[in-house]
Amino acid sequence: MAAKPCLKIKGRGKGPKGSSSSTTSSSSSKNELVKEWTNWSLKKAKVATQYGFIPLIIIIGMKSDPKPHLFQLLSPV
């Protein structure tokens, strides 16, 4: 009878049998946490940029040298 191939990855460390898989799972959970935090922060930054861009332009325009009125800043011409 032929031997079945083993699909499990064997650890090469000196520690206990399960130490290799525990470090792999903890590092993968850290990677997932970093990905989640990055996605969350990028979504928040996108929203802040979308809602803050036009007010930023208005504030910069109000502080320019020939002080325009707010109506002049908002008019298309």
PDB file of N, CA and C in Angstrom:
ATOM      1  N   MET A   1       0.834  -1.171   0.000  1.00  0.00           N
ATOM      2  CA  MET A   1       0.000   0.000   0.000  1.00  0.00           C
ATOM      3  C   MET A   1       0.887   1.245   0.000  1.00  0.00           C
ATOM      4  N   ALA A   2       0.558   2.224  -0.847  1.00  0.00           N
ATOM      5  CA  ALA A   2       1.371   3.431  -0.970  1.00  0.00           C
ATOM      6  C   ALA A   2       1.060   4.409   0.159  1.00  0.00           C
ATOM      7  N   ALA A   3       2.061   5.147   0.567  1.00  0.00           N
ATOM      8  CA  ALA A   3       1.888   6.138   1.624  1.00  0.00           C
ATOM      9  C   ALA A   3       1.204   7.373   1.059  1.00  0.00           C
ATOM     10  N   LYS A   4       0.283   7.938   1.825  1.00  0.00           N
ATOM     11  CA  LYS A   4      -0.417   9.156   1.387  1.00  0.00           C
ATOM     12  C   LYS A   4       0.471  10.367   1.644  1.00  0.00           C
ATOM     13  N   PRO A   5       0.488  11.324   0.727  1.00  0.00           N
ATOM     14  CA  PRO A   5       1.296  12.525   0.960  1.00  0.00           C
ATOM     15  C   PRO A   5       0.664  13.386   2.055  1.00  0.00           C
ATOM     16  N   CYS A   6       1.500  13.940   2.870  1.00  0.00           N
ATOM     17  CA  CYS A   6       1.039  14.794   3.965  1.00  0.00           C
ATOM     18  C   CYS A   6       1.024  16.239   3.488  1.00  0.00           C
ATOM     19  N   LEU A   7      -0.108  16.929   3.650  1.00  0.00           N
ATOM     20  CA  LEU A   7      -0.238  18.310   3.198  1.00  0.00           C
ATOM     21  C   LEU A   7       0.043  19.322   4.299  1.00  0.00           C
ATOM     22  N   LYS A   8       0.286  18.851   5.512  1.00  0.00           N
ATOM     23  CA  LYS A   8       0.563  19.764   6.613  1.00  0.00           C
ATOM     24  C   LYS A   8       1.993  20.261   6.543  1.00  0.00           C
ATOM     25  N   ILE A   9       2.179  21.533   6.927  1.00  0.00           N
ATOM     26  CA  ILE A   9       3.516  22.116   6.960  1.00  0.00           C
ATOM     27  C   ILE A   9       4.135  21.796   8.311  1.00  0.00           C
ATOM     28  N   LYS A  10       5.305  21.215   8.280  1.00  0.00           N
ATOM     29  CA  LYS A  10       5.975  20.847   9.517  1.00  0.00           C
ATOM     30  C   LYS A  10       6.815  22.011  10.001  1.00  0.00           C
ATOM     31  N   GLY A  11       6.769  22.287  11.314  1.00  0.00           N
ATOM     32  CA  GLY A  11       7.554  23.356  11.896  1.00  0.00           C
ATOM     33  C   GLY A  11       9.019  22.973  11.971  1.00  0.00           C
ATOM     34  N   ARG A  12       9.900  23.970  11.841  1.00  0.00           N
ATOM     35  CA  ARG A  12      11.325  23.702  11.893  1.00  0.00           C
ATOM     36  C   ARG A  12      11.979  24.299  13.137  1.00  0.00           C
ATOM     37  N   GLY A  13      11.183  24.809  14.059  1.00  0.00           N
ATOM     38  CA  GLY A  13      11.734  25.443  15.248  1.00  0.00           C
ATOM     39  C   GLY A  13      12.113  24.436  16.308  1.00  0.00           C
ATOM     40  N   LYS A  14      12.790  24.912  17.358  1.00  0.00           N
ATOM     41  CA  LYS A  14      13.202  24.041  18.459  1.00  0.00           C
ATOM     42  C   LYS A  14      12.124  23.949  19.531  1.00  0.00           C
ATOM     43  N   GLY A  15      11.105  24.799  19.448  1.00  0.00           N
ATOM     44  CA  GLY A  15      10.061  24.830  20.462  1.00  0.00           C
ATOM     45  C   GLY A  15       9.098  23.677  20.329  1.00  0.00           C
ATOM     46  N   PRO A  16       7.973  23.761  21.049  1.00  0.00           N
ATOM     47  CA  PRO A  16       6.972  22.702  20.987  1.00  0.00           C
ATOM     48  C   PRO A  16       6.373  22.580  19.591  1.00  0.00           C
ATOM     49  N   LYS A  17       5.641  21.511  19.405  1.00  0.00           N
ATOM     50  CA  LYS A  17       5.119  21.184  18.086  1.00  0.00           C
ATOM     51  C   LYS A  17       4.236  22.285  17.500  1.00  0.00           C
ATOM     52  N   GLY A  18       3.409  22.941  18.281  1.00  0.00           N
ATOM     53  CA  GLY A  18       2.468  23.940  17.780  1.00  0.00           C
ATOM     54  C   GLY A  18       3.015  25.357  17.735  1.00  0.00           C
ATOM     55  N   SER A  19       4.268  25.573  18.094  1.00  0.00           N
ATOM     56  CA  SER A  19       4.789  26.938  18.160  1.00  0.00           C
ATOM     57  C   SER A  19       4.868  27.589  16.794  1.00  0.00           C
ATOM     58  N   SER A  20       5.171  26.825  15.770  1.00  0.00           N
ATOM     59  CA  SER A  20       5.286  27.393  14.423  1.00  0.00           C
ATOM     60  C   SER A  20       3.946  27.915  13.931  1.00  0.00           C
ATOM     61  N   SER A  21       2.892  27.158  14.165  1.00  0.00           N
ATOM     62  CA  SER A  21       1.571  27.586  13.696  1.00  0.00           C
ATOM     63  C   SER A  21       1.041  28.748  14.528  1.00  0.00           C
ATOM     64  N   SER A  22       1.380  28.813  15.818  1.00  0.00           N
ATOM     65  CA  SER A  22       0.889  29.905  16.648  1.00  0.00           C
ATOM     66  C   SER A  22       1.545  31.223  16.258  1.00  0.00           C
ATOM     67  N   THR A  23       2.829  31.207  15.895  1.00  0.00           N
ATOM     68  CA  THR A  23       3.470  32.453  15.475  1.00  0.00           C
ATOM     69  C   THR A  23       2.944  32.883  14.123  1.00  0.00           C
ATOM     70  N   THR A  24       2.635  31.935  13.267  1.00  0.00           N
ATOM     71  CA  THR A  24       2.087  32.273  11.957  1.00  0.00           C
ATOM     72  C   THR A  24       0.702  32.888  12.103  1.00  0.00           C
ATOM     73  N   SER A  25      -0.121  32.336  12.980  1.00  0.00           N
ATOM     74  CA  SER A  25      -1.472  32.880  13.152  1.00  0.00           C
ATOM     75  C   SER A  25      -1.436  34.244  13.822  1.00  0.00           C
ATOM     76  N   SER A  26      -0.512  34.456  14.764  1.00  0.00           N
ATOM     77  CA  SER A  26      -0.452  35.761  15.416  1.00  0.00           C
ATOM     78  C   SER A  26       0.068  36.827  14.457  1.00  0.00           C
ATOM     79  N   SER A  27       1.038  36.458  13.602  1.00  0.00           N
ATOM     80  CA  SER A  27       1.534  37.435  12.643  1.00  0.00           C
ATOM     81  C   SER A  27       0.496  37.726  11.577  1.00  0.00           C
ATOM     82  N   SER A  28      -0.296  36.726  11.199  1.00  0.00           N
ATOM     83  CA  SER A  28      -1.343  36.983  10.205  1.00  0.00           C
ATOM     84  C   SER A  28      -2.445  37.835  10.810  1.00  0.00           C
ATOM     85  N   SER A  29      -2.737  37.648  12.105  1.00  0.00           N
ATOM     86  CA  SER A  29      -3.757  38.488  12.732  1.00  0.00           C
ATOM     87  C   SER A  29      -3.250  39.927  12.858  1.00  0.00           C
ATOM     88  N   LYS A  30      -1.946  40.105  13.080  1.00  0.00           N
ATOM     89  CA  LYS A  30      -1.375  41.453  13.123  1.00  0.00           C
ATOM     90  C   LYS A  30      -1.465  42.101  11.758  1.00  0.00           C
ATOM     91  N   ASN A  31      -1.189  41.321  10.714  1.00  0.00           N
ATOM     92  CA  ASN A  31      -1.299  41.848   9.361  1.00  0.00           C
ATOM     93  C   ASN A  31      -2.729  42.259   9.047  1.00  0.00           C
ATOM     94  N   GLU A  32      -3.683  41.450   9.478  1.00  0.00           N
ATOM     95  CA  GLU A  32      -5.090  41.781   9.250  1.00  0.00           C
ATOM     96  C   GLU A  32      -5.477  43.044  10.004  1.00  0.00           C
ATOM     97  N   LEU A  33      -4.980  43.201  11.232  1.00  0.00           N
ATOM     98  CA  LEU A  33      -5.282  44.401  12.005  1.00  0.00           C
ATOM     99  C   LEU A  33      -4.695  45.640  11.344  1.00  0.00           C
ATOM    100  N   VAL A  34      -3.487  45.519  10.812  1.00  0.00           N
ATOM    101  CA  VAL A  34      -2.856  46.650  10.127  1.00  0.00           C
ATOM    102  C   VAL A  34      -3.652  47.001   8.870  1.00  0.00           C
ATOM    103  N   LYS A  35      -4.098  45.994   8.125  1.00  0.00           N
ATOM    104  CA  LYS A  35      -4.888  46.241   6.919  1.00  0.00           C
ATOM    105  C   LYS A  35      -6.218  46.911   7.263  1.00  0.00           C
ATOM    106  N   GLU A  36      -6.881  46.416   8.327  1.00  0.00           N
ATOM    107  CA  GLU A  36      -8.157  47.012   8.740  1.00  0.00           C
ATOM    108  C   GLU A  36      -7.963  48.462   9.169  1.00  0.00           C
ATOM    109  N   TRP A  37      -6.928  48.726   9.969  1.00  0.00           N
ATOM    110  CA  TRP A  37      -6.677  50.085  10.442  1.00  0.00           C
ATOM    111  C   TRP A  37      -6.338  51.004   9.284  1.00  0.00           C
ATOM    112  N   THR A  38      -5.556  50.500   8.326  1.00  0.00           N
ATOM    113  CA  THR A  38      -5.195  51.304   7.159  1.00  0.00           C
ATOM    114  C   THR A  38      -6.424  51.633   6.332  1.00  0.00           C
ATOM    115  N   ASN A  39      -7.274  50.642   6.082  1.00  0.00           N
ATOM    116  CA  ASN A  39      -8.493  50.887   5.315  1.00  0.00           C
ATOM    117  C   ASN A  39      -9.389  51.881   6.030  1.00  0.00           C
ATOM    118  N   TRP A  40      -9.528  51.738   7.348  1.00  0.00           N
ATOM    119  CA  TRP A  40     -10.387  52.648   8.105  1.00  0.00           C
ATOM    120  C   TRP A  40      -9.846  54.072   8.036  1.00  0.00           C
ATOM    121  N   SER A  41      -8.543  54.225   8.218  1.00  0.00           N
ATOM    122  CA  SER A  41      -7.966  55.575   8.215  1.00  0.00           C
ATOM    123  C   SER A  41      -8.019  56.207   6.825  1.00  0.00           C
ATOM    124  N   LEU A  42      -7.834  55.410   5.776  1.00  0.00           N
ATOM    125  CA  LEU A  42      -7.920  55.962   4.426  1.00  0.00           C
ATOM    126  C   LEU A  42      -9.341  56.392   4.083  1.00  0.00           C
ATOM    127  N   LYS A  43     -10.330  55.634   4.548  1.00  0.00           N
ATOM    128  CA  LYS A  43     -11.727  56.029   4.319  1.00  0.00           C
ATOM    129  C   LYS A  43     -12.037  57.339   5.033  1.00  0.00           C
ATOM    130  N   LYS A  44     -11.564  57.476   6.267  1.00  0.00           N
ATOM    131  CA  LYS A  44     -11.797  58.716   7.015  1.00  0.00           C
ATOM    132  C   LYS A  44     -11.071  59.897   6.368  1.00  0.00           C
ATOM    133  N   ALA A  45      -9.853  59.670   5.887  1.00  0.00           N
ATOM    134  CA  ALA A  45      -9.106  60.733   5.223  1.00  0.00           C
ATOM    135  C   ALA A  45      -9.787  61.154   3.929  1.00  0.00           C
ATOM    136  N   LYS A  46     -10.364  60.210   3.214  1.00  0.00           N
ATOM    137  CA  LYS A  46     -11.067  60.523   1.970  1.00  0.00           C
ATOM    138  C   LYS A  46     -12.279  61.404   2.243  1.00  0.00           C
ATOM    139  N   VAL A  47     -13.042  61.062   3.274  1.00  0.00           N
ATOM    140  CA  VAL A  47     -14.220  61.861   3.633  1.00  0.00           C
ATOM    141  C   VAL A  47     -13.801  63.258   4.083  1.00  0.00           C
ATOM    142  N   ALA A  48     -12.750  63.336   4.889  1.00  0.00           N
ATOM    143  CA  ALA A  48     -12.283  64.645   5.364  1.00  0.00           C
ATOM    144  C   ALA A  48     -11.801  65.501   4.201  1.00  0.00           C
ATOM    145  N   THR A  49     -11.150  64.891   3.224  1.00  0.00           N
ATOM    146  CA  THR A  49     -10.676  65.633   2.056  1.00  0.00           C
ATOM    147  C   THR A  49     -11.842  66.113   1.215  1.00  0.00           C
ATOM    148  N   GLN A  50     -12.844  65.254   1.028  1.00  0.00           N
ATOM    149  CA  GLN A  50     -13.989  65.635   0.202  1.00  0.00           C
ATOM    150  C   GLN A  50     -14.760  66.802   0.808  1.00  0.00           C
ATOM    151  N   TYR A  51     -14.985  66.767   2.117  1.00  0.00           N
ATOM    152  CA  TYR A  51     -15.770  67.820   2.757  1.00  0.00           C
ATOM    153  C   TYR A  51     -14.939  69.037   3.143  1.00  0.00           C
ATOM    154  N   GLY A  52     -13.624  68.909   3.184  1.00  0.00           N
ATOM    155  CA  GLY A  52     -12.791  70.022   3.614  1.00  0.00           C
ATOM    156  C   GLY A  52     -12.119  70.789   2.500  1.00  0.00           C
ATOM    157  N   PHE A  53     -12.196  70.310   1.269  1.00  0.00           N
ATOM    158  CA  PHE A  53     -11.466  70.948   0.179  1.00  0.00           C
ATOM    159  C   PHE A  53     -12.030  72.319  -0.164  1.00  0.00           C
ATOM    160  N   ILE A  54     -13.329  72.422  -0.371  1.00  0.00           N
ATOM    161  CA  ILE A  54     -13.941  73.699  -0.763  1.00  0.00           C
ATOM    162  C   ILE A  54     -13.838  74.732   0.367  1.00  0.00           C
ATOM    163  N   PRO A  55     -14.123  74.372   1.629  1.00  0.00           N
ATOM    164  CA  PRO A  55     -13.889  75.370   2.686  1.00  0.00           C
ATOM    165  C   PRO A  55     -12.436  75.840   2.773  1.00  0.00           C
ATOM    166  N   LEU A  56     -11.500  74.935   2.506  1.00  0.00           N
ATOM    167  CA  LEU A  56     -10.090  75.328   2.508  1.00  0.00           C
ATOM    168  C   LEU A  56      -9.811  76.349   1.420  1.00  0.00           C
ATOM    169  N   ILE A  57     -10.360  76.153   0.224  1.00  0.00           N
ATOM    170  CA  ILE A  57     -10.171  77.096  -0.875  1.00  0.00           C
ATOM    171  C   ILE A  57     -10.792  78.449  -0.534  1.00  0.00           C
ATOM    172  N   ILE A  58     -11.965  78.432   0.101  1.00  0.00           N
ATOM    173  CA  ILE A  58     -12.619  79.695   0.486  1.00  0.00           C
ATOM    174  C   ILE A  58     -11.775  80.435   1.519  1.00  0.00           C
ATOM    175  N   ILE A  59     -11.233  79.702   2.497  1.00  0.00           N
ATOM    176  CA  ILE A  59     -10.413  80.343   3.526  1.00  0.00           C
ATOM    177  C   ILE A  59      -9.147  80.929   2.911  1.00  0.00           C
ATOM    178  N   ILE A  60      -8.521  80.198   2.013  1.00  0.00           N
ATOM    179  CA  ILE A  60      -7.321  80.716   1.349  1.00  0.00           C
ATOM    180  C   ILE A  60      -7.664  81.950   0.521  1.00  0.00           C
ATOM    181  N   GLY A  61      -8.820  81.928  -0.160  1.00  0.00           N
ATOM    182  CA  GLY A  61      -9.239  83.077  -0.960  1.00  0.00           C
ATOM    183  C   GLY A  61      -9.544  84.297  -0.112  1.00  0.00           C
ATOM    184  N   MET A  62     -10.103  84.091   1.081  1.00  0.00           N
ATOM    185  CA  MET A  62     -10.423  85.213   1.958  1.00  0.00           C
ATOM    186  C   MET A  62      -9.162  85.861   2.534  1.00  0.00           C
ATOM    187  N   LYS A  63      -8.080  85.104   2.616  1.00  0.00           N
ATOM    188  CA  LYS A  63      -6.841  85.652   3.177  1.00  0.00           C
ATOM    189  C   LYS A  63      -5.910  86.196   2.102  1.00  0.00           C
ATOM    190  N   SER A  64      -6.354  86.217   0.859  1.00  0.00           N
ATOM    191  CA  SER A  64      -5.498  86.727  -0.212  1.00  0.00           C
ATOM    192  C   SER A  64      -5.391  88.246  -0.119  1.00  0.00           C
ATOM    193  N   ASP A  65      -4.491  88.816  -0.864  1.00  0.00           N
ATOM    194  CA  ASP A  65      -4.174  90.238  -0.746  1.00  0.00           C
ATOM    195  C   ASP A  65      -5.331  91.159  -1.141  1.00  0.00           C
ATOM    196  N   PRO A  66      -5.937  91.085  -2.317  1.00  0.00           N
ATOM    197  CA  PRO A  66      -7.084  91.973  -2.579  1.00  0.00           C
ATOM    198  C   PRO A  66      -8.351  91.376  -1.982  1.00  0.00           C
ATOM    199  N   LYS A  67      -8.593  91.501  -0.711  1.00  0.00           N
ATOM    200  CA  LYS A  67      -9.678  90.893   0.054  1.00  0.00           C
ATOM    201  C   LYS A  67     -11.032  90.892  -0.677  1.00  0.00           C
ATOM    202  N   PRO A  68     -11.399  89.782  -1.298  1.00  0.00           N
ATOM    203  CA  PRO A  68     -12.697  89.731  -1.972  1.00  0.00           C
ATOM    204  C   PRO A  68     -13.814  89.446  -0.964  1.00  0.00           C
ATOM    205  N   HIS A  69     -15.033  89.761  -1.357  1.00  0.00           N
ATOM    206  CA  HIS A  69     -16.193  89.416  -0.538  1.00  0.00           C
ATOM    207  C   HIS A  69     -16.521  87.948  -0.778  1.00  0.00           C
ATOM    208  N   LEU A  70     -17.273  87.351   0.143  1.00  0.00           N
ATOM    209  CA  LEU A  70     -17.637  85.955   0.019  1.00  0.00           C
ATOM    210  C   LEU A  70     -18.407  85.685  -1.253  1.00  0.00           C
ATOM    211  N   PHE A  71     -19.292  86.598  -1.650  1.00  0.00           N
ATOM    212  CA  PHE A  71     -20.071  86.445  -2.879  1.00  0.00           C
ATOM    213  C   PHE A  71     -19.151  86.387  -4.099  1.00  0.00           C
ATOM    214  N   GLN A  72     -18.109  87.172  -4.104  1.00  0.00           N
ATOM    215  CA  GLN A  72     -17.161  87.160  -5.232  1.00  0.00           C
ATOM    216  C   GLN A  72     -16.401  85.843  -5.312  1.00  0.00           C
ATOM    217  N   LEU A  73     -16.136  85.237  -4.159  1.00  0.00           N
ATOM    218  CA  LEU A  73     -15.453  83.948  -4.158  1.00  0.00           C
ATOM    219  C   LEU A  73     -16.353  82.818  -4.668  1.00  0.00           C
ATOM    220  N   LEU A  74     -17.643  82.925  -4.334  1.00  0.00           N
ATOM    221  CA  LEU A  74     -18.573  81.842  -4.689  1.00  0.00           C
ATOM    222  C   LEU A  74     -19.174  81.994  -6.072  1.00  0.00           C
ATOM    223  N   SER A  75     -19.086  83.152  -6.662  1.00  0.00           N
ATOM    224  CA  SER A  75     -19.668  83.345  -7.994  1.00  0.00           C
ATOM    225  C   SER A  75     -18.783  82.674  -9.045  1.00  0.00           C
ATOM    226  N   PRO A  76     -19.390  82.113 -10.101  1.00  0.00           N
ATOM    227  CA  PRO A  76     -18.596  81.387 -11.094  1.00  0.00           C
ATOM    228  C   PRO A  76     -17.776  82.302 -12.003  1.00  0.00           C
ATOM    229  N   VAL A  77     -18.080  83.597 -12.066  1.00  0.00           N
ATOM    230  CA  VAL A  77     -17.353  84.481 -12.969  1.00  0.00           C
ATOM    231  C   VAL A  77     -16.370  85.326 -12.210  1.00  0.00           C
TER     232      VAL A  77
END
